[in-house]
N, C-alpha and C. Protein backbone atom coordinates (compact mmCIF):
# COMPACT_ATOMS: atom_id res chain seq x y z
N MET A 1 0.84 -1.17 0.00
CA MET A 1 0.00 0.00 -0.01
C MET A 1 0.89 1.24 0.00
N PHE A 2 0.46 2.27 -0.69
CA PHE A 2 1.19 3.54 -0.73
C PHE A 2 0.22 4.68 -0.90
N TYR A 3 0.71 5.86 -0.62
CA TYR A 3 -0.06 7.09 -0.79
C TYR A 3 0.70 7.97 -1.77
N GLY A 4 -0.01 8.61 -2.67
CA GLY A 4 0.71 9.38 -3.66
C GLY A 4 -0.02 10.62 -4.13
N LEU A 5 0.75 11.45 -4.82
CA LEU A 5 0.24 12.66 -5.46
C LEU A 5 0.73 12.68 -6.90
N GLN A 6 -0.09 13.25 -7.78
CA GLN A 6 0.33 13.42 -9.17
C GLN A 6 0.12 14.89 -9.52
N PHE A 7 1.18 15.50 -10.07
CA PHE A 7 1.14 16.89 -10.50
C PHE A 7 1.17 16.91 -12.02
N ASN A 8 0.24 17.62 -12.63
CA ASN A 8 0.17 17.69 -14.09
C ASN A 8 0.49 19.11 -14.56
N THR A 9 1.29 19.21 -15.62
CA THR A 9 1.60 20.51 -16.20
C THR A 9 0.57 20.83 -17.28
N SER A 10 0.53 22.09 -17.69
CA SER A 10 -0.38 22.47 -18.76
C SER A 10 0.03 21.84 -20.08
N GLY A 11 1.30 21.39 -20.18
CA GLY A 11 1.79 20.74 -21.39
C GLY A 11 1.52 19.25 -21.43
N GLY A 12 0.82 18.73 -20.42
CA GLY A 12 0.47 17.32 -20.42
C GLY A 12 1.47 16.40 -19.76
N GLU A 13 2.54 16.94 -19.19
CA GLU A 13 3.52 16.12 -18.48
C GLU A 13 3.08 15.97 -17.03
N SER A 14 3.62 14.95 -16.36
CA SER A 14 3.21 14.67 -14.98
C SER A 14 4.42 14.35 -14.12
N MET A 15 4.25 14.56 -12.82
CA MET A 15 5.21 14.10 -11.82
C MET A 15 4.42 13.42 -10.73
N GLN A 16 4.91 12.26 -10.32
CA GLN A 16 4.25 11.51 -9.26
C GLN A 16 5.19 11.38 -8.07
N VAL A 17 4.63 11.52 -6.86
CA VAL A 17 5.37 11.34 -5.62
C VAL A 17 4.57 10.36 -4.79
N VAL A 18 5.25 9.33 -4.27
CA VAL A 18 4.56 8.33 -3.44
C VAL A 18 5.31 8.11 -2.14
N ILE A 19 4.55 7.72 -1.10
CA ILE A 19 5.10 7.35 0.19
C ILE A 19 4.56 5.95 0.51
N ASN A 20 5.46 5.00 0.72
CA ASN A 20 4.98 3.63 1.03
C ASN A 20 4.78 3.48 2.52
N THR A 21 4.36 2.27 2.94
CA THR A 21 4.05 2.04 4.35
C THR A 21 5.31 2.10 5.23
N ALA A 22 6.49 2.00 4.64
CA ALA A 22 7.74 2.13 5.39
C ALA A 22 8.17 3.61 5.46
N LEU A 23 7.30 4.51 5.02
CA LEU A 23 7.54 5.94 5.00
C LEU A 23 8.73 6.35 4.15
N GLN A 24 8.95 5.62 3.07
CA GLN A 24 9.97 5.98 2.10
C GLN A 24 9.33 6.76 0.97
N VAL A 25 9.99 7.84 0.54
CA VAL A 25 9.44 8.71 -0.51
C VAL A 25 10.15 8.41 -1.82
N TYR A 26 9.34 8.23 -2.88
CA TYR A 26 9.87 8.01 -4.24
C TYR A 26 9.18 9.00 -5.17
N ALA A 27 9.86 9.33 -6.26
CA ALA A 27 9.28 10.25 -7.25
C ALA A 27 9.68 9.80 -8.66
N ARG A 28 8.83 10.16 -9.63
CA ARG A 28 9.13 9.92 -11.03
C ARG A 28 8.39 10.96 -11.86
N ALA A 29 8.89 11.21 -13.07
CA ALA A 29 8.27 12.20 -13.95
C ALA A 29 8.09 11.61 -15.32
N SER A 30 7.17 12.21 -16.06
CA SER A 30 6.93 11.74 -17.42
C SER A 30 7.55 12.70 -18.42
N SER A 31 7.92 12.16 -19.57
CA SER A 31 8.42 12.96 -20.68
C SER A 31 7.81 12.36 -21.94
N GLY A 32 7.08 13.17 -22.67
CA GLY A 32 6.40 12.64 -23.85
C GLY A 32 5.35 11.61 -23.50
N GLY A 33 4.78 11.73 -22.29
CA GLY A 33 3.75 10.79 -21.87
C GLY A 33 4.28 9.47 -21.30
N ILE A 34 5.58 9.29 -21.25
CA ILE A 34 6.18 8.05 -20.73
C ILE A 34 6.89 8.37 -19.43
N PHE A 35 6.53 7.62 -18.37
CA PHE A 35 7.15 7.82 -17.07
C PHE A 35 8.52 7.18 -17.00
N GLY A 36 9.44 7.87 -16.30
CA GLY A 36 10.76 7.31 -16.04
C GLY A 36 10.72 6.39 -14.84
N GLU A 37 11.88 5.92 -14.44
CA GLU A 37 11.99 5.02 -13.27
C GLU A 37 11.69 5.78 -11.99
N TRP A 38 11.20 5.03 -10.99
CA TRP A 38 11.02 5.62 -9.67
C TRP A 38 12.38 5.90 -9.06
N LYS A 39 12.54 7.08 -8.45
CA LYS A 39 13.80 7.45 -7.79
C LYS A 39 13.53 7.63 -6.30
N TYR A 40 14.40 7.02 -5.50
CA TYR A 40 14.30 7.15 -4.05
C TYR A 40 14.67 8.57 -3.64
N VAL A 41 13.83 9.20 -2.79
CA VAL A 41 14.09 10.57 -2.34
C VAL A 41 14.61 10.57 -0.92
N CYS A 42 13.84 10.01 0.03
CA CYS A 42 14.29 9.93 1.40
C CYS A 42 13.40 8.99 2.19
N GLY A 43 13.83 8.68 3.40
CA GLY A 43 13.07 7.79 4.28
C GLY A 43 13.13 8.29 5.71
N PRO A 44 12.58 7.50 6.66
CA PRO A 44 12.55 7.91 8.06
C PRO A 44 13.95 8.21 8.60
N GLY A 45 14.07 9.26 9.38
CA GLY A 45 15.34 9.61 10.00
C GLY A 45 16.34 10.25 9.05
N GLU A 46 15.93 10.56 7.84
CA GLU A 46 16.85 11.14 6.87
C GLU A 46 16.55 12.62 6.64
N GLY A 47 16.52 13.36 7.70
CA GLY A 47 16.26 14.80 7.57
C GLY A 47 14.91 15.18 8.12
N ASP A 48 14.48 16.35 7.77
CA ASP A 48 13.23 16.90 8.31
C ASP A 48 12.04 16.66 7.39
N GLY A 49 12.19 15.79 6.42
CA GLY A 49 11.10 15.52 5.49
C GLY A 49 11.22 16.32 4.22
N ALA A 50 12.10 17.32 4.19
CA ALA A 50 12.33 18.09 2.98
C ALA A 50 13.40 17.40 2.14
N LEU A 51 13.42 17.67 0.87
CA LEU A 51 14.44 17.10 0.00
C LEU A 51 15.77 17.67 0.41
N GLU A 52 16.67 16.81 0.84
CA GLU A 52 17.97 17.24 1.30
C GLU A 52 18.84 17.70 0.14
N VAL A 53 19.67 18.71 0.38
CA VAL A 53 20.52 19.25 -0.68
C VAL A 53 21.45 18.20 -1.25
N GLU A 54 22.00 17.33 -0.39
CA GLU A 54 22.94 16.34 -0.92
C GLU A 54 22.26 15.32 -1.84
N LYS A 55 20.95 15.27 -1.83
CA LYS A 55 20.23 14.39 -2.75
C LYS A 55 20.10 15.02 -4.12
N ALA A 56 20.20 16.34 -4.18
CA ALA A 56 20.06 17.05 -5.44
C ALA A 56 21.39 17.02 -6.21
N THR A 57 21.34 17.24 -7.49
CA THR A 57 22.54 17.28 -8.30
C THR A 57 22.60 18.58 -9.09
N VAL A 58 23.80 18.96 -9.46
CA VAL A 58 24.00 20.17 -10.26
C VAL A 58 23.78 19.79 -11.72
N ALA A 59 23.13 20.65 -12.46
CA ALA A 59 22.89 20.41 -13.88
C ALA A 59 24.22 20.29 -14.59
N GLU A 60 24.32 19.34 -15.50
CA GLU A 60 25.56 19.15 -16.25
C GLU A 60 25.80 20.29 -17.21
N LYS A 61 24.76 20.88 -17.74
CA LYS A 61 24.91 21.94 -18.72
C LYS A 61 23.76 22.93 -18.56
N ALA A 62 24.10 24.21 -18.62
CA ALA A 62 23.05 25.24 -18.59
C ALA A 62 22.79 25.69 -20.01
N TYR A 63 21.56 25.88 -20.34
CA TYR A 63 21.18 26.26 -21.71
C TYR A 63 20.85 27.74 -21.77
N ARG A 64 21.12 28.32 -22.92
CA ARG A 64 20.76 29.71 -23.14
C ARG A 64 19.26 29.80 -23.36
N LEU A 65 18.73 30.99 -23.20
CA LEU A 65 17.31 31.21 -23.47
C LEU A 65 17.05 31.05 -24.96
N ALA A 66 15.87 30.59 -25.30
CA ALA A 66 15.52 30.42 -26.71
C ALA A 66 15.56 31.75 -27.45
N SER A 67 15.16 32.82 -26.79
CA SER A 67 15.27 34.15 -27.37
C SER A 67 15.70 35.11 -26.25
N PRO A 68 16.59 36.05 -26.56
CA PRO A 68 17.07 36.98 -25.53
C PRO A 68 15.94 37.76 -24.88
N MET A 69 16.12 38.06 -23.61
CA MET A 69 15.15 38.85 -22.86
C MET A 69 15.78 40.22 -22.58
N THR A 70 14.95 41.24 -22.47
CA THR A 70 15.42 42.59 -22.17
C THR A 70 14.73 43.10 -20.92
N ILE A 71 15.54 43.64 -20.00
CA ILE A 71 14.99 44.31 -18.83
C ILE A 71 15.16 45.79 -19.10
N THR A 72 14.05 46.53 -19.00
CA THR A 72 14.06 47.96 -19.26
C THR A 72 13.70 48.71 -17.98
N PHE A 73 14.49 49.72 -17.66
CA PHE A 73 14.25 50.54 -16.49
C PHE A 73 13.63 51.87 -16.97
N ALA A 74 12.57 52.30 -16.31
CA ALA A 74 11.88 53.53 -16.69
C ALA A 74 11.63 54.36 -15.45
N GLY A 75 11.25 55.59 -15.66
CA GLY A 75 11.02 56.49 -14.54
C GLY A 75 12.20 57.41 -14.39
N ASP A 76 12.61 57.69 -13.15
CA ASP A 76 13.76 58.57 -12.93
C ASP A 76 15.05 57.95 -13.43
N ALA A 77 15.20 56.64 -13.30
CA ALA A 77 16.37 55.93 -13.84
C ALA A 77 15.96 55.28 -15.16
N GLN A 78 16.76 55.49 -16.18
CA GLN A 78 16.46 54.93 -17.48
C GLN A 78 17.61 54.06 -17.96
N GLY A 79 17.29 53.00 -18.65
CA GLY A 79 18.30 52.13 -19.22
C GLY A 79 17.69 50.80 -19.59
N ALA A 80 18.48 49.95 -20.22
CA ALA A 80 18.01 48.63 -20.62
C ALA A 80 19.22 47.72 -20.75
N VAL A 81 18.98 46.43 -20.56
CA VAL A 81 20.02 45.43 -20.77
C VAL A 81 19.35 44.16 -21.28
N SER A 82 20.00 43.51 -22.24
CA SER A 82 19.49 42.25 -22.78
C SER A 82 20.39 41.11 -22.32
N PHE A 83 19.79 39.96 -22.14
CA PHE A 83 20.57 38.79 -21.76
C PHE A 83 19.96 37.55 -22.37
N ASP A 84 20.80 36.54 -22.59
CA ASP A 84 20.32 35.28 -23.14
C ASP A 84 20.69 34.09 -22.27
N GLY A 85 21.25 34.35 -21.10
CA GLY A 85 21.60 33.28 -20.19
C GLY A 85 23.01 32.75 -20.38
N SER A 86 23.76 33.25 -21.36
CA SER A 86 25.09 32.73 -21.61
C SER A 86 26.13 33.33 -20.67
N GLY A 87 25.80 34.36 -19.95
CA GLY A 87 26.74 34.98 -19.02
C GLY A 87 26.10 36.15 -18.30
N ASN A 88 26.88 36.75 -17.41
CA ASN A 88 26.39 37.89 -16.64
C ASN A 88 26.27 39.12 -17.55
N VAL A 89 25.40 40.02 -17.17
CA VAL A 89 25.23 41.28 -17.90
C VAL A 89 25.30 42.43 -16.90
N THR A 90 25.61 43.62 -17.39
CA THR A 90 25.64 44.82 -16.57
C THR A 90 24.73 45.86 -17.20
N ALA A 91 23.88 46.45 -16.39
CA ALA A 91 22.99 47.50 -16.89
C ALA A 91 23.57 48.85 -16.51
N THR A 92 23.61 49.75 -17.45
CA THR A 92 24.03 51.13 -17.21
C THR A 92 22.78 51.99 -17.16
N LEU A 93 22.59 52.67 -16.05
CA LEU A 93 21.40 53.50 -15.87
C LEU A 93 21.79 54.98 -15.88
N SER A 94 20.89 55.81 -16.34
CA SER A 94 21.11 57.25 -16.30
C SER A 94 19.87 57.90 -15.69
N VAL A 95 20.07 59.07 -15.11
CA VAL A 95 18.98 59.81 -14.53
C VAL A 95 18.35 60.66 -15.63
N ARG A 96 17.05 60.52 -15.77
CA ARG A 96 16.33 61.27 -16.79
C ARG A 96 16.44 62.77 -16.50
N ASN A 97 16.71 63.56 -17.54
CA ASN A 97 16.87 65.02 -17.40
C ASN A 97 15.66 65.63 -16.70
N GLY A 98 15.94 66.41 -15.67
CA GLY A 98 14.87 67.13 -14.98
C GLY A 98 14.03 66.29 -14.04
N SER A 99 14.36 65.02 -13.88
CA SER A 99 13.49 64.19 -13.04
C SER A 99 13.81 64.30 -11.56
N VAL A 100 15.00 64.76 -11.23
CA VAL A 100 15.37 64.90 -9.83
C VAL A 100 15.70 66.36 -9.56
N ASP A 101 14.98 66.97 -8.66
CA ASP A 101 15.21 68.37 -8.30
C ASP A 101 16.20 68.41 -7.14
N VAL A 102 17.40 68.90 -7.40
CA VAL A 102 18.41 68.97 -6.36
C VAL A 102 18.46 70.33 -5.68
N SER A 103 17.55 71.20 -6.00
CA SER A 103 17.52 72.53 -5.39
C SER A 103 17.47 72.41 -3.88
N ASP A 104 18.34 73.14 -3.23
CA ASP A 104 18.36 73.23 -1.76
C ASP A 104 18.61 71.91 -1.06
N LEU A 105 19.21 70.92 -1.72
CA LEU A 105 19.47 69.65 -1.07
C LEU A 105 20.82 69.64 -0.36
N VAL A 106 21.78 70.39 -0.85
CA VAL A 106 23.10 70.44 -0.24
C VAL A 106 23.27 71.79 0.44
N ASN A 107 23.73 71.79 1.67
CA ASN A 107 23.91 73.08 2.33
C ASN A 107 25.14 73.09 3.20
N ASP A 108 25.53 74.26 3.63
CA ASP A 108 26.70 74.41 4.51
C ASP A 108 26.27 74.58 5.96
N SER A 109 25.16 74.04 6.30
CA SER A 109 24.49 74.05 7.61
C SER A 109 23.85 75.42 7.93
N LEU A 110 24.10 76.42 7.09
CA LEU A 110 23.44 77.70 7.28
C LEU A 110 22.59 78.09 6.07
N ASN A 111 23.17 77.91 4.89
CA ASN A 111 22.50 78.35 3.68
C ASN A 111 22.55 77.26 2.62
N ALA A 112 21.54 77.19 1.81
CA ALA A 112 21.55 76.24 0.71
C ALA A 112 22.62 76.66 -0.29
N LEU A 113 23.46 75.74 -0.72
CA LEU A 113 24.51 76.05 -1.68
C LEU A 113 24.06 75.83 -3.11
N ILE A 114 23.11 74.96 -3.28
CA ILE A 114 22.64 74.64 -4.63
C ILE A 114 21.25 75.20 -4.80
N ARG A 115 21.12 76.12 -5.71
CA ARG A 115 19.82 76.71 -5.98
C ARG A 115 19.19 76.12 -7.23
N ASP A 116 20.05 75.62 -8.13
CA ASP A 116 19.54 75.00 -9.36
C ASP A 116 20.57 73.98 -9.83
N LYS A 117 20.16 73.13 -10.72
CA LYS A 117 21.03 72.04 -11.20
C LYS A 117 22.29 72.55 -11.87
N ASN A 118 22.25 73.69 -12.54
CA ASN A 118 23.41 74.20 -13.25
C ASN A 118 24.50 74.70 -12.32
N SER A 119 24.17 74.98 -11.06
CA SER A 119 25.18 75.50 -10.14
C SER A 119 25.99 74.42 -9.44
N ILE A 120 25.64 73.16 -9.65
CA ILE A 120 26.33 72.08 -8.96
C ILE A 120 27.82 72.09 -9.26
N LEU A 121 28.19 72.13 -10.54
CA LEU A 121 29.60 72.10 -10.91
C LEU A 121 30.34 73.32 -10.38
N MET A 122 29.76 74.49 -10.50
CA MET A 122 30.43 75.70 -10.04
C MET A 122 30.63 75.67 -8.53
N LYS A 123 29.67 75.17 -7.77
CA LYS A 123 29.83 75.10 -6.33
C LYS A 123 30.94 74.12 -5.96
N LYS A 124 31.07 73.02 -6.68
CA LYS A 124 32.12 72.04 -6.43
C LYS A 124 33.49 72.66 -6.71
N VAL A 125 33.63 73.35 -7.84
CA VAL A 125 34.90 73.99 -8.18
C VAL A 125 35.23 75.05 -7.14
N GLN A 126 34.26 75.87 -6.75
CA GLN A 126 34.50 76.91 -5.74
C GLN A 126 34.93 76.28 -4.42
N SER A 127 34.32 75.18 -4.04
CA SER A 127 34.67 74.48 -2.80
C SER A 127 36.12 73.99 -2.86
N MET A 128 36.54 73.48 -4.00
CA MET A 128 37.91 73.00 -4.16
C MET A 128 38.90 74.15 -4.05
N ILE A 129 38.59 75.29 -4.64
CA ILE A 129 39.46 76.47 -4.59
C ILE A 129 39.54 76.97 -3.15
N ASP A 130 38.40 77.10 -2.49
CA ASP A 130 38.39 77.59 -1.11
C ASP A 130 39.19 76.68 -0.19
N GLU A 131 39.07 75.37 -0.39
CA GLU A 131 39.81 74.44 0.45
C GLU A 131 41.31 74.55 0.22
N ALA A 132 41.72 74.78 -1.03
CA ALA A 132 43.14 74.83 -1.35
C ALA A 132 43.84 76.07 -0.81
N ILE A 133 43.14 77.20 -0.72
CA ILE A 133 43.81 78.45 -0.31
C ILE A 133 43.20 79.09 0.93
N SER A 134 42.61 78.31 1.78
CA SER A 134 41.94 78.90 2.95
C SER A 134 42.81 78.94 4.20
N TYR A 135 44.09 78.58 4.09
CA TYR A 135 44.94 78.59 5.27
C TYR A 135 45.75 79.87 5.31
N HIS A 136 45.59 80.66 6.36
CA HIS A 136 46.27 81.94 6.51
C HIS A 136 47.28 81.84 7.65
N VAL A 137 48.47 82.38 7.43
CA VAL A 137 49.50 82.42 8.48
C VAL A 137 49.92 83.88 8.68
N ASN A 138 50.24 84.19 9.89
CA ASN A 138 50.64 85.54 10.23
C ASN A 138 52.16 85.64 10.20
N LYS A 139 52.71 86.45 9.28
CA LYS A 139 54.15 86.70 9.19
C LYS A 139 54.38 88.19 9.36
N SER A 140 54.88 88.55 10.48
CA SER A 140 55.17 89.97 10.76
C SER A 140 53.96 90.86 10.53
N GLY A 141 52.79 90.39 10.96
CA GLY A 141 51.59 91.18 10.85
C GLY A 141 50.88 91.09 9.51
N TRP A 142 51.46 90.36 8.56
CA TRP A 142 50.83 90.21 7.26
C TRP A 142 50.07 88.89 7.23
N HIS A 143 48.93 88.87 6.59
CA HIS A 143 48.18 87.64 6.38
C HIS A 143 48.50 87.13 4.98
N VAL A 144 49.05 85.94 4.92
CA VAL A 144 49.48 85.39 3.64
C VAL A 144 48.67 84.11 3.39
N SER A 145 48.10 84.02 2.21
CA SER A 145 47.39 82.79 1.83
C SER A 145 48.40 81.80 1.29
N GLN A 146 48.25 80.57 1.66
CA GLN A 146 49.12 79.52 1.13
C GLN A 146 48.30 78.27 0.95
N ASP A 147 48.80 77.39 0.07
CA ASP A 147 48.10 76.13 -0.10
C ASP A 147 48.55 75.16 1.00
N ARG A 148 48.01 73.99 1.04
CA ARG A 148 48.34 73.04 2.10
C ARG A 148 49.80 72.62 2.09
N GLY A 149 50.44 72.73 0.94
CA GLY A 149 51.85 72.37 0.84
C GLY A 149 52.78 73.46 1.35
N GLY A 150 52.24 74.61 1.77
CA GLY A 150 53.06 75.68 2.30
C GLY A 150 53.52 76.65 1.24
N ASN A 151 53.02 76.54 0.01
CA ASN A 151 53.46 77.43 -1.09
C ASN A 151 52.63 78.71 -1.11
């Protein structure tokens, strides 16, 4: 005596799983309407009842997709990448013009430094200049600007 389940695909193939009175689990699948041999899955005391990883095997060969697939990113980030399963792919994304308002997002803790998107580069350049020549030393009452290297 045994208890079993049969799973049917929309393509007409089936998989059967049975448990006998000794609580041993076996499975088999059909291909082209013909069932293969029963394969032992597990029995009492062989794990928690789930299919153990060591019972599974790694596929001998991975196949490419029948036709390449494309993932498209839309919205604030735009880009696309196609893949066929033959290897890894990298997607390059760009920010859509005008989709992100950076006005007043960066500040010096007192005032907003960025009022519009076009000022970002100029504020960065100004910051670099200020940092390079902002060190003053007193020599005989004179204030002299020098860079970090002492020049």
